[in-house]
Protein backbone atom coordinates (compact mmCIF):
# COMPACT_ATOMS: atom_id res chain seq x y z
CA PRO A 1 -13.47 -39.06 -8.42
CA GLU A 2 -15.56 -39.07 -11.54
CA PRO A 3 -14.12 -41.37 -14.27
CA SER A 4 -13.73 -39.61 -17.58
CA PHE A 5 -11.90 -39.93 -20.86
CA LEU A 6 -11.34 -36.16 -20.79
CA THR A 7 -7.79 -36.21 -19.50
CA PRO A 8 -5.78 -32.99 -19.78
CA GLY A 9 -4.02 -34.30 -22.89
CA ARG A 10 -7.23 -35.27 -24.64
CA PHE A 11 -8.89 -32.02 -23.69
CA ALA A 12 -5.89 -30.14 -25.10
CA LEU A 13 -6.37 -31.92 -28.43
CA ILE A 14 -10.11 -31.15 -28.45
CA LEU A 15 -9.57 -27.48 -27.58
CA ALA A 16 -6.81 -27.13 -30.17
CA ALA A 17 -9.09 -28.66 -32.79
CA LEU A 18 -11.95 -26.29 -31.90
CA LEU A 19 -9.66 -23.28 -32.12
CA ALA A 20 -8.19 -24.51 -35.40
CA VAL A 21 -11.67 -24.90 -36.89
CA THR A 22 -12.75 -21.48 -35.62
CA PHE A 23 -9.62 -19.58 -36.69
CA TRP A 24 -8.38 -21.75 -39.56
CA ARG A 25 -8.10 -18.79 -41.91
CA VAL A 26 -5.73 -17.03 -39.52
CA LEU A 27 -3.76 -20.15 -38.59
CA PHE A 28 -3.55 -21.81 -42.02
CA GLY A 29 -5.17 -19.61 -44.66
CA GLY A 30 -2.83 -16.65 -44.81
CA GLU A 31 -5.40 -14.18 -43.46
CA ALA A 32 -4.99 -11.96 -40.42
CA PHE A 33 -7.01 -10.23 -37.75
CA PHE A 34 -7.44 -6.50 -38.40
CA TYR A 35 -10.67 -5.24 -36.82
CA ARG A 36 -10.63 -2.02 -34.78
CA ASP A 37 -7.89 -1.78 -32.12
CA TYR A 38 -6.10 -4.83 -33.48
CA GLY A 39 -5.35 -2.88 -36.64
CA PHE A 40 -4.93 0.50 -34.92
CA LEU A 41 -2.80 -0.55 -31.93
CA GLY A 42 -2.08 -4.27 -31.59
CA TYR A 43 -0.46 -4.91 -34.96
CA PRO A 44 1.38 -1.56 -35.20
CA PHE A 45 2.86 -2.12 -31.72
CA ALA A 46 4.01 -5.62 -32.68
CA HIS A 47 5.41 -4.44 -36.01
CA PHE A 48 7.36 -1.57 -34.45
CA HIS A 49 8.69 -3.78 -31.66
CA ARG A 50 9.78 -6.41 -34.18
CA GLU A 51 11.62 -3.84 -36.31
CA CYS A 52 13.42 -2.53 -33.23
CA PHE A 53 14.21 -6.06 -32.04
CA TRP A 54 15.90 -7.04 -35.29
CA SER A 55 17.86 -3.79 -35.33
CA GLY A 56 19.27 -4.52 -31.87
CA ASP A 57 16.92 -2.34 -29.78
CA PHE A 58 15.29 -5.14 -27.79
CA PHE A 59 13.29 -2.95 -25.41
CA PRO A 60 12.44 0.31 -27.23
CA LEU A 61 11.62 3.21 -24.94
CA TRP A 62 10.26 5.60 -27.55
CA ASN A 63 8.06 5.22 -30.62
CA PRO A 64 8.69 8.08 -33.07
CA ASN A 65 5.92 6.91 -35.43
CA VAL A 66 2.97 7.97 -33.22
CA ASN A 67 2.02 11.65 -33.56
CA CYS A 68 5.22 13.51 -32.63
CA GLY A 69 6.51 10.51 -30.73
CA ALA A 70 5.26 8.58 -27.69
CA PRO A 71 6.66 6.36 -24.94
CA PHE A 72 6.66 2.70 -25.90
CA LEU A 73 7.83 0.58 -22.99
CA ALA A 74 6.15 2.84 -20.43
CA GLN A 75 2.74 2.44 -22.08
CA TRP A 76 2.58 -1.04 -20.46
CA ASN A 77 0.02 -2.38 -22.96
CA THR A 78 2.68 -2.72 -25.67
CA LEU A 79 3.82 -6.11 -24.27
CA CYS A 80 7.38 -4.83 -24.56
CA LEU A 81 8.69 -6.95 -21.65
CA TYR A 82 6.30 -9.89 -21.95
CA PRO A 83 8.35 -13.06 -22.67
CA GLY A 84 5.65 -14.50 -24.92
CA ALA A 85 6.18 -11.61 -27.33
CA LEU A 86 9.09 -13.62 -28.71
CA ILE A 87 6.48 -15.49 -30.77
CA TYR A 88 5.87 -12.52 -33.06
CA LEU A 89 9.35 -11.06 -32.65
CA LEU A 90 11.00 -14.18 -34.05
CA LEU A 91 8.33 -15.45 -36.45
CA PRO A 92 7.03 -13.58 -39.51
CA LEU A 93 4.21 -11.10 -39.24
CA PRO A 94 1.25 -10.88 -39.59
CA TRP A 95 0.78 -14.64 -39.12
CA SER A 96 2.75 -14.79 -35.88
CA LEU A 97 0.61 -12.21 -34.06
CA GLY A 98 -2.56 -14.10 -35.01
CA PHE A 99 -0.99 -17.31 -33.75
CA PHE A 100 0.03 -15.45 -30.57
CA CYS A 101 -3.60 -14.51 -29.92
CA VAL A 102 -4.98 -17.99 -30.59
CA ALA A 103 -2.23 -19.53 -28.43
CA HIS A 104 -3.36 -17.43 -25.47
CA LEU A 105 -6.94 -18.51 -26.01
CA PHE A 106 -5.64 -22.07 -25.75
CA LEU A 107 -3.66 -21.16 -22.62
CA GLY A 108 -6.75 -19.70 -20.98
CA GLY A 109 -8.90 -22.71 -21.83
CA MET A 110 -6.36 -25.12 -20.37
CA GLY A 111 -6.07 -22.99 -17.26
CA MET A 112 -9.83 -22.77 -16.73
CA ARG A 113 -10.12 -26.53 -17.16
CA ALA A 114 -7.41 -27.09 -14.55
CA LEU A 115 -9.00 -24.59 -12.14
CA ALA A 116 -12.51 -26.03 -12.54
CA GLU A 117 -11.30 -29.60 -12.04
CA ARG A 118 -9.43 -28.54 -8.91
CA TRP A 119 -12.63 -27.03 -7.49
CA THR A 120 -15.22 -29.57 -8.63
CA GLY A 121 -13.34 -32.84 -9.19
CA SER A 122 -15.35 -33.33 -12.39
CA PRO A 123 -13.26 -33.76 -15.57
CA PHE A 124 -16.33 -33.33 -17.76
CA GLY A 125 -17.48 -30.21 -15.94
CA ALA A 126 -13.96 -28.84 -16.10
CA ALA A 127 -13.84 -29.46 -19.86
CA VAL A 128 -17.13 -27.59 -20.30
CA ALA A 129 -15.76 -24.72 -18.23
CA GLY A 130 -12.59 -24.56 -20.34
CA VAL A 131 -14.48 -24.46 -23.63
CA ALA A 132 -17.09 -22.02 -22.30
CA PHE A 133 -14.38 -19.66 -21.11
CA VAL A 134 -12.55 -19.59 -24.45
CA PHE A 135 -15.68 -19.12 -26.54
CA SER A 136 -17.46 -16.69 -24.22
CA GLY A 137 -18.43 -13.32 -25.61
CA LEU A 138 -16.06 -11.45 -23.30
CA VAL A 139 -12.99 -13.44 -24.31
CA LEU A 140 -13.76 -13.53 -28.02
CA GLY A 141 -14.51 -9.81 -27.89
CA CYS A 142 -10.96 -9.26 -26.66
CA VAL A 143 -9.38 -10.80 -29.75
CA ILE A 144 -8.94 -7.22 -31.00
CA TYR A 145 -6.72 -6.53 -27.95
CA PRO A 146 -3.72 -8.90 -27.89
CA ASN A 147 -2.64 -7.71 -24.45
CA TYR A 148 -6.09 -8.44 -23.02
CA LEU A 149 -5.90 -11.97 -24.36
CA VAL A 150 -2.61 -12.37 -22.51
CA ALA A 151 -4.22 -11.21 -19.25
CA LEU A 152 -7.25 -13.46 -19.74
CA GLY A 153 -5.10 -16.40 -20.76
CA TRP A 154 -3.09 -16.20 -17.54
CA MET A 155 -6.03 -15.34 -15.27
CA PRO A 156 -7.12 -18.90 -14.32
CA TRP A 157 -3.49 -19.94 -13.83
CA VAL A 158 -2.93 -17.00 -11.46
CA VAL A 159 -6.02 -17.95 -9.44
CA LEU A 160 -5.05 -21.62 -9.32
CA ALA A 161 -1.41 -20.97 -8.39
CA THR A 162 -2.12 -18.20 -5.86
CA ARG A 163 -4.78 -20.21 -4.04
CA ARG A 164 -2.35 -23.09 -3.78
CA ALA A 165 0.31 -20.64 -2.54
CA TRP A 166 -1.71 -19.34 0.41
CA GLN A 167 -2.76 -22.89 1.31
CA GLN A 168 0.64 -24.58 1.05
CA GLY A 169 3.28 -21.84 1.14
CA GLY A 170 6.87 -22.71 0.23
CA ARG A 171 7.81 -22.88 -3.42
CA SER A 172 4.14 -22.54 -4.37
CA ILE A 173 4.55 -18.83 -3.57
CA VAL A 174 7.32 -18.52 -6.14
CA LEU A 175 5.30 -20.35 -8.81
CA ALA A 176 2.30 -18.11 -8.12
CA ALA A 177 4.48 -15.02 -8.39
CA LEU A 178 5.79 -16.17 -11.77
CA ALA A 179 2.24 -16.68 -13.05
CA GLY A 180 1.22 -13.32 -11.61
CA ALA A 181 4.17 -11.62 -13.28
CA MET A 182 3.24 -13.05 -16.66
CA GLN A 183 -0.24 -11.58 -16.32
CA MET A 184 1.07 -8.32 -14.88
CA LEU A 185 3.28 -7.75 -17.93
CA SER A 186 0.21 -7.86 -20.19
CA GLY A 187 -0.72 -4.26 -19.47
CA ALA A 188 -4.45 -4.92 -18.99
CA PRO A 189 -5.10 -3.27 -15.61
CA GLU A 190 -8.84 -4.00 -15.60
CA ILE A 191 -8.29 -7.75 -15.94
CA ILE A 192 -5.41 -7.71 -13.46
CA LEU A 193 -7.48 -5.85 -10.84
CA LEU A 194 -10.40 -8.20 -11.46
CA THR A 195 -8.13 -11.20 -10.89
CA TRP A 196 -6.59 -9.95 -7.66
CA GLY A 197 -9.90 -8.62 -6.36
CA PHE A 198 -11.41 -12.05 -6.89
CA LEU A 199 -8.44 -13.65 -5.11
CA ALA A 200 -8.86 -11.34 -2.13
CA ALA A 201 -12.57 -12.19 -1.88
CA LEU A 202 -11.82 -15.89 -2.24
CA MET A 203 -9.23 -15.66 0.53
CA VAL A 204 -11.78 -14.11 2.90
CA VAL A 205 -14.29 -16.86 2.09
CA GLU A 206 -11.69 -19.55 2.77
CA GLY A 207 -10.75 -17.84 6.03
CA LYS A 208 -14.40 -17.97 7.14
CA ARG A 209 -14.64 -21.63 6.20
CA LYS A 210 -11.51 -22.36 8.18
CA LYS A 211 -12.97 -20.54 11.18
CA GLU A 212 -16.21 -22.54 10.96
CA LYS A 213 -14.21 -25.74 10.65
CA GLY A 214 -12.21 -24.75 13.71
CA LYS A 215 -15.41 -24.16 15.69
CA SER A 216 -16.81 -27.56 14.78
CA ALA A 217 -13.54 -29.21 15.82
CA GLU A 218 -13.50 -27.65 19.30
CA THR A 219 -13.50 -30.12 22.19
CA PRO A 220 -16.52 -30.09 24.51
CA ALA A 221 -14.13 -29.90 27.50
CA SER A 222 -13.67 -26.17 26.98
CA PRO A 223 -17.04 -24.76 25.93
CA ASP A 224 -16.37 -21.41 27.62
CA ALA A 225 -12.98 -20.82 25.98
CA PRO A 226 -13.08 -17.73 23.75
CA ALA A 227 -13.00 -18.51 20.05
CA PRO A 228 -10.00 -17.12 18.14
CA PRO A 229 -10.83 -13.99 16.13
CA PHE A 230 -11.36 -14.15 12.40
CA ALA A 231 -7.97 -12.53 11.82
CA PHE A 232 -6.34 -15.56 13.47
CA TYR A 233 -7.55 -17.76 10.62
CA LEU A 234 -7.08 -15.19 7.89
CA LEU A 235 -3.59 -14.00 8.79
CA PRO A 236 -1.59 -16.97 7.36
CA PHE A 237 -3.48 -16.70 4.06
CA ALA A 238 -3.03 -12.92 3.93
CA LEU A 239 0.71 -13.11 4.61
CA ARG A 240 1.23 -15.64 1.84
CA LEU A 241 -0.94 -13.66 -0.57
CA GLY A 242 1.05 -10.56 0.30
CA ALA A 243 4.27 -12.44 -0.40
CA VAL A 244 2.97 -13.43 -3.84
CA ALA A 245 1.94 -9.83 -4.59
CA PHE A 246 5.31 -8.49 -3.39
CA LEU A 247 7.31 -10.93 -5.52
CA THR A 248 5.07 -10.28 -8.54
CA THR A 249 5.58 -6.53 -8.22
CA GLY A 250 9.33 -6.98 -7.88
CA LEU A 251 9.52 -9.19 -10.95
CA CYS A 252 7.62 -6.57 -12.96
CA ALA A 253 9.35 -3.49 -11.56
CA ALA A 254 11.09 -2.79 -14.87
CA GLN A 255 7.63 -2.35 -16.40
CA LEU A 256 5.66 -0.86 -13.52
CA LEU A 257 8.11 1.91 -12.60
CA PRO A 258 8.22 3.51 -16.09
CA PHE A 259 4.46 3.20 -16.32
CA SER A 260 4.04 4.90 -12.93
CA GLN A 261 6.24 7.77 -14.06
CA LEU A 262 4.27 8.11 -17.30
CA LEU A 263 1.03 8.05 -15.33
CA SER A 264 2.25 10.81 -13.03
CA LEU A 265 3.03 13.01 -16.04
CA SER A 266 -0.23 12.30 -17.89
CA GLN A 267 -3.45 14.23 -17.81
């Protein structure tokens, strides 16, 4: 393995410093994000949820302040059931929502570093990947959508945990389902579909590699023996991936079922 001073702890300090320098006005200066959908949707959702939370309505179903009223929990992108929402529910607004967004940038950078190091074995390359992910145009462009930052922040962790789950099975499946549920509760279907589509493609690639490895390991004593079909190599991965998806869906049923009903009643 490549020796490097960029341990996970040191990288965390570097990434935190870069984010603090970039968003110091939000984190320390008393200013807040406001541009476009952050001011139209993100902050109003957080403010309404916080008011309901402190009045004893922890999971509001209906928002009377939008037009003539609108579903709140069923919208999915309101982060109503996302555990990380406790950051801005318990801490004062508007600072807490800005901190919430920056914290998920940090989460995504740490996850991308861990994923890249797992794939490449290069701590330096993994550090570059983590920083590049956080400060890419796509991710920074999603600062105006707090729920998208949640989905992006959990994306590399879902990939890392789910790949480990289909390789190892066991409790890795449960850990992958927990990571998947955290992303699923974000209410960013495009990012969620992108993540799981990538995982499905990656699983197929790994199945093909396993098949090629199996061919190269065949003994010369049985050259005429038929090779197992591709499904033989792919099936264990697919079953474990299906188990992760099933557990993730079950954990998020309280969010997905109301959303499905709202979707069925929408134009």
